Amino acid sequence: MVENRRWFSKILSPLFVSLVYLFLYLPMFVMILFSFNNSSSSANWVGFSFRWYVNLFYSAEMLDSLYVSLIVALCSTVLSVIIGTFLVFATRWWKSFFILNYFYPNIVLPDIVLAVCILSIFVFFRIPVGYGSLIAGHTLLGLGFVIPIVRARFVELDPVLTEASLDLGASYFQTFRKVILPLLMPSLIASSLLVFTISLDDFLVAFFCSSPSVQTLSVYIYSAVKTGLDPTINAISTLLLVVSSILVLILTSLKAIDQVISYE
């Protein structure tokens, strides 16, 4: 029995893990590889070329959708961080912590449910879809990530620091700006990068909250794929993958720094 367990741990377990990672990342490698293919077909490899990356700058519709995605991601990130930070900060004097718990289901709630709920609100109040609906939907989605991250850091702060600041004559705003905000900065940057990445990659909320004239890059790619796989889509998807990977690396680095600061 012991020998069977050792054999499983030495051979089958690494093999199984390798197959899982291969299943997850092989499509990404294929997509990246064919983004440099010189052929207009994504089935046959002809030669190495950057032609599809150059074609990105000549596709007006793709550039417009990328512009919409960046605007929506930036606005929703700023709003999510500002609203989430003030909600967390208000709980120091307003002891209704349970209200913040309403934002936690966003993490585990399926995006399709959240998207349908947001669209139902817009339809009920007869709010036209467009930039406003996209920013509102992604802001609500981002609050489910900002509030847990900022609150986890906020509850670790020593109350003595704010009490000392107030005793020395500082106002509540000065205490927030010069004491609490610098201590929350690692969590604010980490949550900003996370919300920006989620908003940039989101499809379901953007699909339900966009209009024919205002659509994000993910919705445009979905519409383009239905008519045929253009290698230009592989190129823009590769660029998005690189940007998202860089943001995730920065996010993990900031979390590690935040843990070190909290430990000290």
Protein backbone atom coordinates (compact mmCIF):
# COMPACT_ATOMS: atom_id res chain seq x y z
CA MET A 1 0.00 0.00 0.00
CA VAL A 2 2.81 2.37 0.89
CA GLU A 3 4.63 1.53 -2.35
CA ASN A 4 1.51 2.30 -4.38
CA ARG A 5 1.21 5.70 -2.71
CA ARG A 6 4.85 6.47 -3.41
CA TRP A 7 4.43 5.40 -7.02
CA PHE A 8 1.39 7.65 -7.37
CA SER A 9 3.11 10.64 -5.77
CA LYS A 10 6.23 10.25 -7.90
CA ILE A 11 4.73 9.44 -11.31
CA LEU A 12 0.97 9.81 -11.62
CA SER A 13 0.57 12.97 -9.56
CA PRO A 14 3.14 15.06 -11.55
CA LEU A 15 1.76 13.63 -14.79
CA PHE A 16 -1.79 14.56 -13.88
CA VAL A 17 -0.77 18.09 -12.88
CA SER A 18 1.19 18.49 -16.12
CA LEU A 19 -1.82 17.40 -18.19
CA VAL A 20 -4.06 19.88 -16.37
CA TYR A 21 -1.66 22.76 -17.04
CA LEU A 22 -1.29 21.64 -20.64
CA PHE A 23 -5.07 21.65 -21.05
CA LEU A 24 -5.28 25.17 -19.59
CA TYR A 25 -2.37 26.87 -21.34
CA LEU A 26 -2.03 25.07 -24.66
CA PRO A 27 -4.84 27.11 -26.31
CA MET A 28 -3.07 30.31 -25.20
CA PHE A 29 0.21 29.21 -26.72
CA VAL A 30 -1.54 28.26 -29.97
CA MET A 31 -3.27 31.66 -30.08
CA ILE A 32 0.02 33.50 -29.48
CA LEU A 33 1.80 31.39 -32.09
CA PHE A 34 -0.78 32.00 -34.83
CA SER A 35 -0.87 35.71 -34.08
CA PHE A 36 2.54 35.78 -35.79
CA ASN A 37 1.38 33.62 -38.71
CA ASN A 38 1.83 35.19 -42.15
CA SER A 39 -1.26 33.43 -43.48
CA SER A 40 -4.81 34.77 -43.32
CA SER A 41 -5.91 31.30 -42.24
CA SER A 42 -5.57 30.24 -38.62
CA ALA A 43 -5.33 26.57 -39.57
CA ASN A 44 -2.06 26.50 -41.53
CA TRP A 45 1.31 27.91 -40.52
CA VAL A 46 3.02 29.70 -43.39
CA GLY A 47 5.71 31.88 -41.85
CA PHE A 48 6.60 34.39 -39.16
CA SER A 49 5.21 37.90 -39.58
CA PHE A 50 4.01 40.96 -37.64
CA ARG A 51 1.41 41.85 -40.27
CA TRP A 52 -1.58 41.25 -38.01
CA TYR A 53 -0.18 43.50 -35.29
CA VAL A 54 0.30 46.20 -37.91
CA ASN A 55 -3.26 45.69 -39.15
CA LEU A 56 -4.55 46.52 -35.68
CA PHE A 57 -3.77 50.20 -36.27
CA TYR A 58 -5.82 50.20 -39.49
CA SER A 59 -8.96 48.67 -37.98
CA ALA A 60 -11.11 51.63 -36.95
CA GLU A 61 -13.82 49.50 -35.30
CA MET A 62 -11.31 47.59 -33.20
CA LEU A 63 -9.54 50.77 -32.10
CA ASP A 64 -12.87 52.36 -31.18
CA SER A 65 -13.85 49.33 -29.08
CA LEU A 66 -10.43 49.35 -27.42
CA TYR A 67 -10.90 53.05 -26.63
CA VAL A 68 -14.31 52.29 -25.08
CA SER A 69 -12.81 49.46 -22.99
CA LEU A 70 -10.03 51.69 -21.66
CA ILE A 71 -12.41 54.55 -20.82
CA VAL A 72 -14.86 52.23 -19.06
CA ALA A 73 -12.08 50.40 -17.20
CA LEU A 74 -10.45 53.63 -16.00
CA CYS A 75 -13.71 55.27 -14.91
CA SER A 76 -15.05 52.17 -13.17
CA THR A 77 -11.72 51.64 -11.41
CA VAL A 78 -11.62 55.20 -10.07
CA LEU A 79 -15.27 55.10 -8.96
CA SER A 80 -14.96 51.65 -7.38
CA VAL A 81 -11.87 52.61 -5.37
CA ILE A 82 -13.29 55.97 -4.21
CA ILE A 83 -16.74 54.63 -3.27
CA GLY A 84 -15.35 51.44 -1.71
CA THR A 85 -12.72 53.31 0.34
CA PHE A 86 -15.21 55.79 1.78
CA LEU A 87 -17.69 53.01 2.58
CA VAL A 88 -15.00 51.10 4.46
CA PHE A 89 -13.74 54.24 6.20
CA ALA A 90 -17.28 55.22 7.25
CA THR A 91 -17.67 51.97 9.20
CA ARG A 92 -15.26 53.29 11.86
CA TRP A 93 -18.00 55.60 13.12
CA TRP A 94 -20.97 53.96 11.44
CA LYS A 95 -20.97 50.50 12.97
CA SER A 96 -23.24 48.83 10.43
CA PHE A 97 -20.62 46.44 9.10
CA PHE A 98 -23.27 44.11 7.73
CA ILE A 99 -24.06 46.60 4.95
CA LEU A 100 -20.64 45.97 3.41
CA ASN A 101 -21.44 42.26 3.31
CA TYR A 102 -23.91 42.94 0.49
CA PHE A 103 -20.94 43.58 -1.81
CA TYR A 104 -19.22 40.28 -1.06
CA PRO A 105 -21.56 38.08 -3.17
CA ASN A 106 -20.12 39.78 -6.28
CA ILE A 107 -17.06 37.58 -5.88
CA VAL A 108 -18.98 34.28 -6.01
CA LEU A 109 -22.12 35.41 -7.86
CA PRO A 110 -22.14 34.31 -11.52
CA ASP A 111 -21.55 37.21 -13.88
CA ILE A 112 -24.60 36.28 -15.93
CA VAL A 113 -26.85 36.81 -12.88
CA LEU A 114 -25.25 40.15 -12.06
CA ALA A 115 -25.46 41.26 -15.70
CA VAL A 116 -29.16 40.39 -15.99
CA CYS A 117 -29.91 42.17 -12.69
CA ILE A 118 -28.11 45.32 -13.81
CA LEU A 119 -29.87 45.30 -17.18
CA SER A 120 -33.23 44.81 -15.44
CA ILE A 121 -32.62 47.94 -13.36
CA PHE A 122 -31.77 49.96 -16.48
CA VAL A 123 -34.88 48.70 -18.26
CA PHE A 124 -37.11 49.38 -15.24
CA PHE A 125 -35.91 52.98 -14.89
CA ARG A 126 -35.71 53.39 -18.69
CA ILE A 127 -32.02 54.26 -18.60
CA PRO A 128 -30.43 54.07 -22.06
CA VAL A 129 -27.46 51.73 -22.42
CA GLY A 130 -24.10 53.17 -23.40
CA TYR A 131 -21.12 54.60 -21.60
CA GLY A 132 -23.12 55.29 -18.44
CA SER A 133 -24.54 51.79 -18.17
CA LEU A 134 -21.15 50.19 -18.85
CA ILE A 135 -19.39 52.30 -16.22
CA ALA A 136 -22.17 51.72 -13.68
CA GLY A 137 -22.18 47.97 -14.24
CA HIS A 138 -18.40 47.61 -14.01
CA THR A 139 -18.30 49.89 -10.96
CA LEU A 140 -20.79 47.64 -9.18
CA LEU A 141 -18.73 44.63 -10.25
CA GLY A 142 -15.53 46.26 -9.00
CA LEU A 143 -16.96 47.13 -5.58
CA GLY A 144 -17.20 43.42 -4.83
CA PHE A 145 -13.40 43.26 -5.08
CA VAL A 146 -12.37 46.66 -3.72
CA ILE A 147 -14.30 46.50 -0.46
CA PRO A 148 -12.93 43.11 0.75
CA ILE A 149 -9.34 44.07 -0.10
CA VAL A 150 -9.47 47.55 1.44
CA ARG A 151 -11.46 46.40 4.45
CA ALA A 152 -9.00 43.58 5.18
CA ARG A 153 -6.20 46.16 5.31
CA PHE A 154 -8.31 48.74 7.19
CA VAL A 155 -9.18 46.45 10.10
CA GLU A 156 -5.46 45.76 10.62
CA LEU A 157 -4.64 49.43 11.19
CA ASP A 158 -3.78 50.40 14.73
CA PRO A 159 -6.48 52.76 16.12
CA VAL A 160 -3.81 54.42 18.23
CA LEU A 161 -2.42 56.11 15.11
CA THR A 162 -5.67 57.90 14.28
CA GLU A 163 -6.33 58.73 17.93
CA ALA A 164 -2.88 60.25 18.26
CA SER A 165 -3.45 62.30 15.10
CA LEU A 166 -6.74 63.64 16.42
CA ASP A 167 -5.25 64.36 19.86
CA LEU A 168 -2.48 66.40 18.21
CA GLY A 169 -5.03 68.70 16.62
CA ALA A 170 -5.52 67.20 13.19
CA SER A 171 -9.00 67.19 11.69
CA TYR A 172 -10.75 64.06 10.46
CA PHE A 173 -9.91 64.94 6.87
CA GLN A 174 -6.23 65.56 7.71
CA THR A 175 -6.09 62.27 9.62
CA PHE A 176 -7.58 60.45 6.67
CA ARG A 177 -5.29 62.11 4.12
CA LYS A 178 -1.99 61.95 6.03
CA VAL A 179 -2.36 58.85 8.23
CA ILE A 180 -4.96 56.40 6.99
CA LEU A 181 -4.66 56.93 3.23
CA PRO A 182 -0.87 56.27 3.07
CA LEU A 183 -1.34 53.10 5.11
CA LEU A 184 -4.12 51.95 2.78
CA MET A 185 -2.17 52.81 -0.38
CA PRO A 186 -0.84 49.26 -1.11
CA SER A 187 -4.36 47.81 -0.90
CA LEU A 188 -5.77 50.69 -2.97
CA ILE A 189 -3.24 50.14 -5.75
CA ALA A 190 -3.74 46.37 -5.64
CA SER A 191 -7.53 46.68 -5.82
CA SER A 192 -7.24 49.25 -8.62
CA LEU A 193 -5.13 46.93 -10.75
CA LEU A 194 -7.49 44.04 -10.05
CA VAL A 195 -10.63 46.01 -10.95
CA PHE A 196 -8.98 47.44 -14.08
CA THR A 197 -8.03 43.94 -15.23
CA ILE A 198 -11.49 42.53 -14.50
CA SER A 199 -13.21 45.42 -16.28
CA LEU A 200 -10.92 45.14 -19.29
CA ASP A 201 -11.53 41.38 -19.61
CA ASP A 202 -15.22 41.34 -18.69
CA PHE A 203 -17.67 40.16 -21.32
CA LEU A 204 -21.06 39.33 -19.79
CA VAL A 205 -21.72 42.64 -18.05
CA ALA A 206 -20.39 44.51 -21.07
CA PHE A 207 -22.55 42.41 -23.42
CA PHE A 208 -25.76 43.17 -21.54
CA CYS A 209 -24.99 46.85 -20.82
CA SER A 210 -23.53 47.93 -24.19
CA SER A 211 -25.27 49.41 -27.19
CA PRO A 212 -24.63 48.85 -30.92
CA SER A 213 -22.71 52.13 -31.10
CA VAL A 214 -20.83 51.73 -27.79
CA GLN A 215 -19.29 48.32 -27.24
CA THR A 216 -16.17 47.12 -25.49
CA LEU A 217 -13.37 45.15 -27.06
CA SER A 218 -14.59 41.85 -25.65
CA VAL A 219 -18.02 42.35 -27.23
CA TYR A 220 -16.42 43.34 -30.53
CA ILE A 221 -14.24 40.21 -30.53
CA TYR A 222 -17.30 38.07 -29.81
CA SER A 223 -19.15 39.63 -32.75
CA ALA A 224 -16.13 39.25 -35.04
CA VAL A 225 -15.54 35.60 -34.14
CA LYS A 226 -19.08 34.67 -35.18
CA THR A 227 -18.35 35.71 -38.76
CA GLY A 228 -14.95 33.98 -38.91
CA LEU A 229 -11.67 33.85 -37.03
CA ASP A 230 -9.55 36.78 -38.19
CA PRO A 231 -5.85 36.50 -37.23
CA THR A 232 -6.07 40.13 -36.11
CA ILE A 233 -8.17 38.89 -33.19
CA ASN A 234 -5.29 36.62 -32.19
CA ALA A 235 -2.99 39.65 -32.19
CA ILE A 236 -5.23 41.86 -30.03
CA SER A 237 -5.95 38.93 -27.71
CA THR A 238 -2.22 38.35 -27.29
CA LEU A 239 -1.69 42.01 -26.40
CA LEU A 240 -4.52 41.86 -23.85
CA LEU A 241 -3.01 38.69 -22.40
CA VAL A 242 0.36 40.43 -22.01
CA VAL A 243 -1.21 43.49 -20.37
CA SER A 244 -3.31 41.37 -18.01
CA SER A 245 -0.30 39.24 -17.07
CA ILE A 246 1.76 42.33 -16.27
CA LEU A 247 -1.03 43.74 -14.11
CA VAL A 248 -1.40 40.42 -12.27
CA LEU A 249 2.35 40.31 -11.60
CA ILE A 250 2.25 43.85 -10.23
CA LEU A 251 -0.78 42.93 -8.14
CA THR A 252 0.90 39.91 -6.59
CA SER A 253 4.04 41.96 -5.89
CA LEU A 254 1.99 44.63 -4.12
CA LYS A 255 0.19 41.99 -2.05
CA ALA A 256 3.54 40.55 -0.98
CA ILE A 257 4.79 44.02 -0.02
CA ASP A 258 1.57 44.69 1.87
CA GLN A 259 1.98 41.45 3.83
CA VAL A 260 5.54 42.37 4.73
CA ILE A 261 4.44 45.81 5.93
CA SER A 262 1.60 44.31 7.95
CA TYR A 263 3.96 41.75 9.51
CA GLU A 264 6.42 44.45 10.51
